[in-house]
């Protein structure tokens, strides 16, 4: 578990270093960002489809938790931390780090990795690669990386 946390922190630091390389922000980025505050929604694909999503966005930073329990052998959760680095008017681009667990009858594993998110109004699509960092059940020895895919729709709560 400690090695998983260390790898997650390394990924966060790498993402922050990449973000710092970007010297200037577009003037229209503020218009492209979703409203600050709490969001709820639905997500598909990873970690367990369909899943519930809850997110909080503040300035250019955001965090989203998705997950669902579909029985003893089918469940999953994923945590995404992200930073907005571009966009115009009604769409925005985010770079982040994801970590989570996915479980089905044949496997149970934890993963962590970098991801890119494209957001258009309330719809988002997230993709990236991850490393399986711990396996409770199943064999992932022949998979050096795992693809992260998630699509979703969120509603803003509050003002």
C-alpha atoms as a PDB file:
ATOM      1  CA  UNK A   1       0.000   0.000   0.000  1.00  0.00           C
ATOM      2  CA  UNK A   2       2.881   2.393   0.787  1.00  0.00           C
ATOM      3  CA  UNK A   3       4.433   1.806  -2.641  1.00  0.00           C
ATOM      4  CA  UNK A   4       1.069   2.647  -4.249  1.00  0.00           C
ATOM      5  CA  UNK A   5       0.943   5.943  -2.387  1.00  0.00           C
ATOM      6  CA  UNK A   6       4.560   6.724  -3.348  1.00  0.00           C
ATOM      7  CA  UNK A   7       3.835   6.064  -7.034  1.00  0.00           C
ATOM      8  CA  UNK A   8       0.698   8.201  -6.867  1.00  0.00           C
ATOM      9  CA  UNK A   9       2.719  11.089  -5.375  1.00  0.00           C
ATOM     10  CA  UNK A  10       5.430  10.719  -8.036  1.00  0.00           C
ATOM     11  CA  UNK A  11       2.765  10.944 -10.768  1.00  0.00           C
ATOM     12  CA  UNK A  12       1.315  14.068  -9.164  1.00  0.00           C
ATOM     13  CA  UNK A  13       4.750  15.701  -9.015  1.00  0.00           C
ATOM     14  CA  UNK A  14       5.424  14.846 -12.666  1.00  0.00           C
ATOM     15  CA  UNK A  15       2.113  16.369 -13.711  1.00  0.00           C
ATOM     16  CA  UNK A  16       2.854  19.515 -11.717  1.00  0.00           C
ATOM     17  CA  UNK A  17       6.268  19.812 -13.375  1.00  0.00           C
ATOM     18  CA  UNK A  18       4.693  19.539 -16.840  1.00  0.00           C
ATOM     19  CA  UNK A  19       2.100  22.158 -15.932  1.00  0.00           C
ATOM     20  CA  UNK A  20       4.790  24.577 -14.723  1.00  0.00           C
ATOM     21  CA  UNK A  21       6.486  24.383 -18.136  1.00  0.00           C
ATOM     22  CA  UNK A  22       3.472  26.107 -19.662  1.00  0.00           C
ATOM     23  CA  UNK A  23       4.386  29.783 -19.381  1.00  0.00           C
ATOM     24  CA  UNK A  24       1.134  31.540 -20.302  1.00  0.00           C
ATOM     25  CA  UNK A  25      -2.556  30.792 -19.988  1.00  0.00           C
ATOM     26  CA  UNK A  26      -5.107  31.642 -22.693  1.00  0.00           C
ATOM     27  CA  UNK A  27      -7.301  34.665 -21.876  1.00  0.00           C
ATOM     28  CA  UNK A  28     -10.466  32.661 -22.444  1.00  0.00           C
ATOM     29  CA  UNK A  29      -9.573  29.852 -20.021  1.00  0.00           C
ATOM     30  CA  UNK A  30     -11.647  31.386 -17.220  1.00  0.00           C
ATOM     31  CA  UNK A  31     -14.729  31.271 -19.472  1.00  0.00           C
ATOM     32  CA  UNK A  32     -14.069  27.633 -20.321  1.00  0.00           C
ATOM     33  CA  UNK A  33     -13.829  26.368 -16.755  1.00  0.00           C
ATOM     34  CA  UNK A  34     -16.866  24.823 -15.103  1.00  0.00           C
ATOM     35  CA  UNK A  35     -18.464  26.692 -12.231  1.00  0.00           C
ATOM     36  CA  UNK A  36     -16.632  26.410  -8.934  1.00  0.00           C
ATOM     37  CA  UNK A  37     -18.229  24.063  -6.479  1.00  0.00           C
ATOM     38  CA  UNK A  38     -19.793  20.643  -6.146  1.00  0.00           C
ATOM     39  CA  UNK A  39     -20.965  18.487  -9.064  1.00  0.00           C
ATOM     40  CA  UNK A  40     -22.737  15.125  -9.218  1.00  0.00           C
ATOM     41  CA  UNK A  41     -23.201  12.898 -12.223  1.00  0.00           C
ATOM     42  CA  UNK A  42     -22.864   9.561 -13.928  1.00  0.00           C
ATOM     43  CA  UNK A  43     -19.868   7.911 -15.561  1.00  0.00           C
ATOM     44  CA  UNK A  44     -19.292   4.918 -17.801  1.00  0.00           C
ATOM     45  CA  UNK A  45     -16.413   2.538 -18.595  1.00  0.00           C
ATOM     46  CA  UNK A  46     -13.916   2.614 -15.691  1.00  0.00           C
ATOM     47  CA  UNK A  47     -13.895   1.715 -12.858  1.00  0.00           C
ATOM     48  CA  UNK A  48     -17.325   0.007 -12.875  1.00  0.00           C
ATOM     49  CA  UNK A  49     -19.939   0.891 -15.462  1.00  0.00           C
ATOM     50  CA  UNK A  50     -22.192   2.647 -14.826  1.00  0.00           C
ATOM     51  CA  UNK A  51     -20.834   4.587 -11.880  1.00  0.00           C
ATOM     52  CA  UNK A  52     -21.819   7.558  -9.780  1.00  0.00           C
ATOM     53  CA  UNK A  53     -19.563  10.619  -9.911  1.00  0.00           C
ATOM     54  CA  UNK A  54     -19.052  13.391  -7.405  1.00  0.00           C
ATOM     55  CA  UNK A  55     -16.617  16.222  -8.084  1.00  0.00           C
ATOM     56  CA  UNK A  56     -15.405  19.502  -6.678  1.00  0.00           C
ATOM     57  CA  UNK A  57     -13.803  22.210  -8.806  1.00  0.00           C
ATOM     58  CA  UNK A  58     -11.991  25.218  -7.370  1.00  0.00           C
ATOM     59  CA  UNK A  59     -10.245  27.731  -9.628  1.00  0.00           C
ATOM     60  CA  UNK A  60      -8.206  25.590 -12.051  1.00  0.00           C
ATOM     61  CA  UNK A  61      -7.983  22.533  -9.776  1.00  0.00           C
ATOM     62  CA  UNK A  62     -10.475  19.733  -9.461  1.00  0.00           C
ATOM     63  CA  UNK A  63     -11.025  16.355  -7.867  1.00  0.00           C
ATOM     64  CA  UNK A  64     -13.543  13.695  -8.883  1.00  0.00           C
ATOM     65  CA  UNK A  65     -14.488  10.396  -7.271  1.00  0.00           C
ATOM     66  CA  UNK A  66     -16.382   7.783  -9.262  1.00  0.00           C
ATOM     67  CA  UNK A  67     -17.483   4.338  -8.293  1.00  0.00           C
ATOM     68  CA  UNK A  68     -20.224   1.795  -7.852  1.00  0.00           C
ATOM     69  CA  UNK A  69     -20.905  -1.453  -6.057  1.00  0.00           C
ATOM     70  CA  UNK A  70     -22.760  -4.032  -8.172  1.00  0.00           C
ATOM     71  CA  UNK A  71     -22.419  -6.992  -5.865  1.00  0.00           C
ATOM     72  CA  UNK A  72     -19.737  -8.890  -4.042  1.00  0.00           C
ATOM     73  CA  UNK A  73     -17.534  -9.478  -7.111  1.00  0.00           C
ATOM     74  CA  UNK A  74     -18.314  -6.450  -9.287  1.00  0.00           C
ATOM     75  CA  UNK A  75     -17.339  -3.027  -8.030  1.00  0.00           C
ATOM     76  CA  UNK A  76     -14.821  -0.265  -8.432  1.00  0.00           C
ATOM     77  CA  UNK A  77     -13.807   3.237  -7.500  1.00  0.00           C
ATOM     78  CA  UNK A  78     -11.507   5.846  -9.032  1.00  0.00           C
ATOM     79  CA  UNK A  79     -10.135   9.143  -7.755  1.00  0.00           C
ATOM     80  CA  UNK A  80      -9.007  11.796 -10.240  1.00  0.00           C
ATOM     81  CA  UNK A  81      -7.051  14.922  -9.292  1.00  0.00           C
ATOM     82  CA  UNK A  82      -6.734  17.392 -12.163  1.00  0.00           C
ATOM     83  CA  UNK A  83      -5.535  20.801 -13.293  1.00  0.00           C
ATOM     84  CA  UNK A  84      -6.992  22.909 -16.136  1.00  0.00           C
ATOM     85  CA  UNK A  85      -4.371  24.003 -18.649  1.00  0.00           C
ATOM     86  CA  UNK A  86      -6.331  25.278 -21.627  1.00  0.00           C
ATOM     87  CA  UNK A  87      -9.654  25.835 -23.305  1.00  0.00           C
ATOM     88  CA  UNK A  88     -12.005  28.324 -24.886  1.00  0.00           C
ATOM     89  CA  UNK A  89     -15.582  29.391 -24.218  1.00  0.00           C
ATOM     90  CA  UNK A  90     -17.490  26.125 -23.603  1.00  0.00           C
ATOM     91  CA  UNK A  91     -14.697  23.506 -23.500  1.00  0.00           C
ATOM     92  CA  UNK A  92     -11.601  22.942 -21.372  1.00  0.00           C
ATOM     93  CA  UNK A  93      -8.539  20.677 -21.196  1.00  0.00           C
ATOM     94  CA  UNK A  94      -7.322  19.047 -17.993  1.00  0.00           C
ATOM     95  CA  UNK A  95      -4.246  17.048 -16.998  1.00  0.00           C
ATOM     96  CA  UNK A  96      -4.458  14.808 -13.975  1.00  0.00           C
ATOM     97  CA  UNK A  97      -3.538  11.726 -12.033  1.00  0.00           C
ATOM     98  CA  UNK A  98      -5.931   8.853 -11.427  1.00  0.00           C
ATOM     99  CA  UNK A  99      -5.872   5.957  -9.033  1.00  0.00           C
ATOM    100  CA  UNK A 100      -8.434   3.329  -8.272  1.00  0.00           C
ATOM    101  CA  UNK A 101      -9.522  -0.239  -7.829  1.00  0.00           C
ATOM    102  CA  UNK A 102     -11.567  -2.395 -10.183  1.00  0.00           C
ATOM    103  CA  UNK A 103     -13.044  -5.774  -9.372  1.00  0.00           C
ATOM    104  CA  UNK A 104     -14.977  -8.373 -11.339  1.00  0.00           C
ATOM    105  CA  UNK A 105     -15.295 -12.168 -11.046  1.00  0.00           C
ATOM    106  CA  UNK A 106     -11.911 -12.750 -12.732  1.00  0.00           C
ATOM    107  CA  UNK A 107      -9.748 -10.033 -11.222  1.00  0.00           C
ATOM    108  CA  UNK A 108      -9.260  -7.454  -8.502  1.00  0.00           C
ATOM    109  CA  UNK A 109      -6.514  -4.854  -8.978  1.00  0.00           C
ATOM    110  CA  UNK A 110      -5.339  -1.339  -8.046  1.00  0.00           C
ATOM    111  CA  UNK A 111      -4.018   1.079 -10.676  1.00  0.00           C
ATOM    112  CA  UNK A 112      -2.482   4.557 -10.869  1.00  0.00           C
ATOM    113  CA  UNK A 113      -1.412   6.773 -13.778  1.00  0.00           C
ATOM    114  CA  UNK A 114      -1.620  10.070 -15.679  1.00  0.00           C
ATOM    115  CA  UNK A 115      -4.728  11.071 -17.632  1.00  0.00           C
ATOM    116  CA  UNK A 116      -6.017  13.765 -19.973  1.00  0.00           C
ATOM    117  CA  UNK A 117      -9.591  15.050 -19.783  1.00  0.00           C
ATOM    118  CA  UNK A 118     -11.563  16.958 -22.400  1.00  0.00           C
ATOM    119  CA  UNK A 119     -14.624  18.701 -21.050  1.00  0.00           C
ATOM    120  CA  UNK A 120     -17.425  20.165 -23.165  1.00  0.00           C
ATOM    121  CA  UNK A 121     -19.977  21.957 -20.992  1.00  0.00           C
ATOM    122  CA  UNK A 122     -21.228  19.189 -18.656  1.00  0.00           C
ATOM    123  CA  UNK A 123     -19.847  16.234 -20.636  1.00  0.00           C
ATOM    124  CA  UNK A 124     -16.324  14.915 -20.084  1.00  0.00           C
ATOM    125  CA  UNK A 125     -14.116  12.245 -21.635  1.00  0.00           C
ATOM    126  CA  UNK A 126     -11.015  11.041 -19.811  1.00  0.00           C
ATOM    127  CA  UNK A 127      -8.256   8.835 -21.152  1.00  0.00           C
ATOM    128  CA  UNK A 128      -4.805   7.794 -20.063  1.00  0.00           C
ATOM    129  CA  UNK A 129      -2.528   4.945 -19.154  1.00  0.00           C
ATOM    130  CA  UNK A 130      -2.001   3.365 -15.790  1.00  0.00           C
ATOM    131  CA  UNK A 131       0.204   0.855 -14.119  1.00  0.00           C
ATOM    132  CA  UNK A 132      -1.373  -1.984 -12.195  1.00  0.00           C
ATOM    133  CA  UNK A 133       0.326  -1.538  -8.823  1.00  0.00           C
ATOM    134  CA  UNK A 134      -1.304  -4.280  -6.780  1.00  0.00           C
ATOM    135  CA  UNK A 135      -3.242  -7.430  -7.702  1.00  0.00           C
ATOM    136  CA  UNK A 136      -5.517  -9.233  -5.255  1.00  0.00           C
ATOM    137  CA  UNK A 137      -6.869 -11.665  -7.855  1.00  0.00           C
ATOM    138  CA  UNK A 138      -5.950 -12.309 -11.504  1.00  0.00           C
ATOM    139  CA  UNK A 139      -2.769 -12.241 -13.566  1.00  0.00           C
ATOM    140  CA  UNK A 140      -1.485  -8.958 -15.005  1.00  0.00           C
ATOM    141  CA  UNK A 141       2.139 -10.016 -15.546  1.00  0.00           C
ATOM    142  CA  UNK A 142       1.853  -9.674 -19.339  1.00  0.00           C
ATOM    143  CA  UNK A 143       0.302  -6.156 -19.172  1.00  0.00           C
ATOM    144  CA  UNK A 144       2.894  -3.449 -18.439  1.00  0.00           C
ATOM    145  CA  UNK A 145       0.215  -0.709 -18.759  1.00  0.00           C
ATOM    146  CA  UNK A 146      -3.554  -0.545 -18.512  1.00  0.00           C
ATOM    147  CA  UNK A 147      -5.712   1.894 -20.487  1.00  0.00           C
ATOM    148  CA  UNK A 148      -7.898   4.293 -18.508  1.00  0.00           C
ATOM    149  CA  UNK A 149     -11.150   5.329 -20.190  1.00  0.00           C
ATOM    150  CA  UNK A 150     -14.081   7.148 -18.652  1.00  0.00           C
ATOM    151  CA  UNK A 151     -16.914   9.249 -20.036  1.00  0.00           C
ATOM    152  CA  UNK A 152     -19.453  11.090 -17.957  1.00  0.00           C
ATOM    153  CA  UNK A 153     -21.998  13.820 -17.501  1.00  0.00           C
ATOM    154  CA  UNK A 154     -22.162  16.074 -14.418  1.00  0.00           C
ATOM    155  CA  UNK A 155     -24.585  18.612 -12.991  1.00  0.00           C
ATOM    156  CA  UNK A 156     -23.431  21.603 -10.945  1.00  0.00           C
ATOM    157  CA  UNK A 157     -25.017  21.931  -7.498  1.00  0.00           C
ATOM    158  CA  UNK A 158     -25.464  25.340  -5.940  1.00  0.00           C
ATOM    159  CA  UNK A 159     -25.014  28.822  -7.311  1.00  0.00           C
END
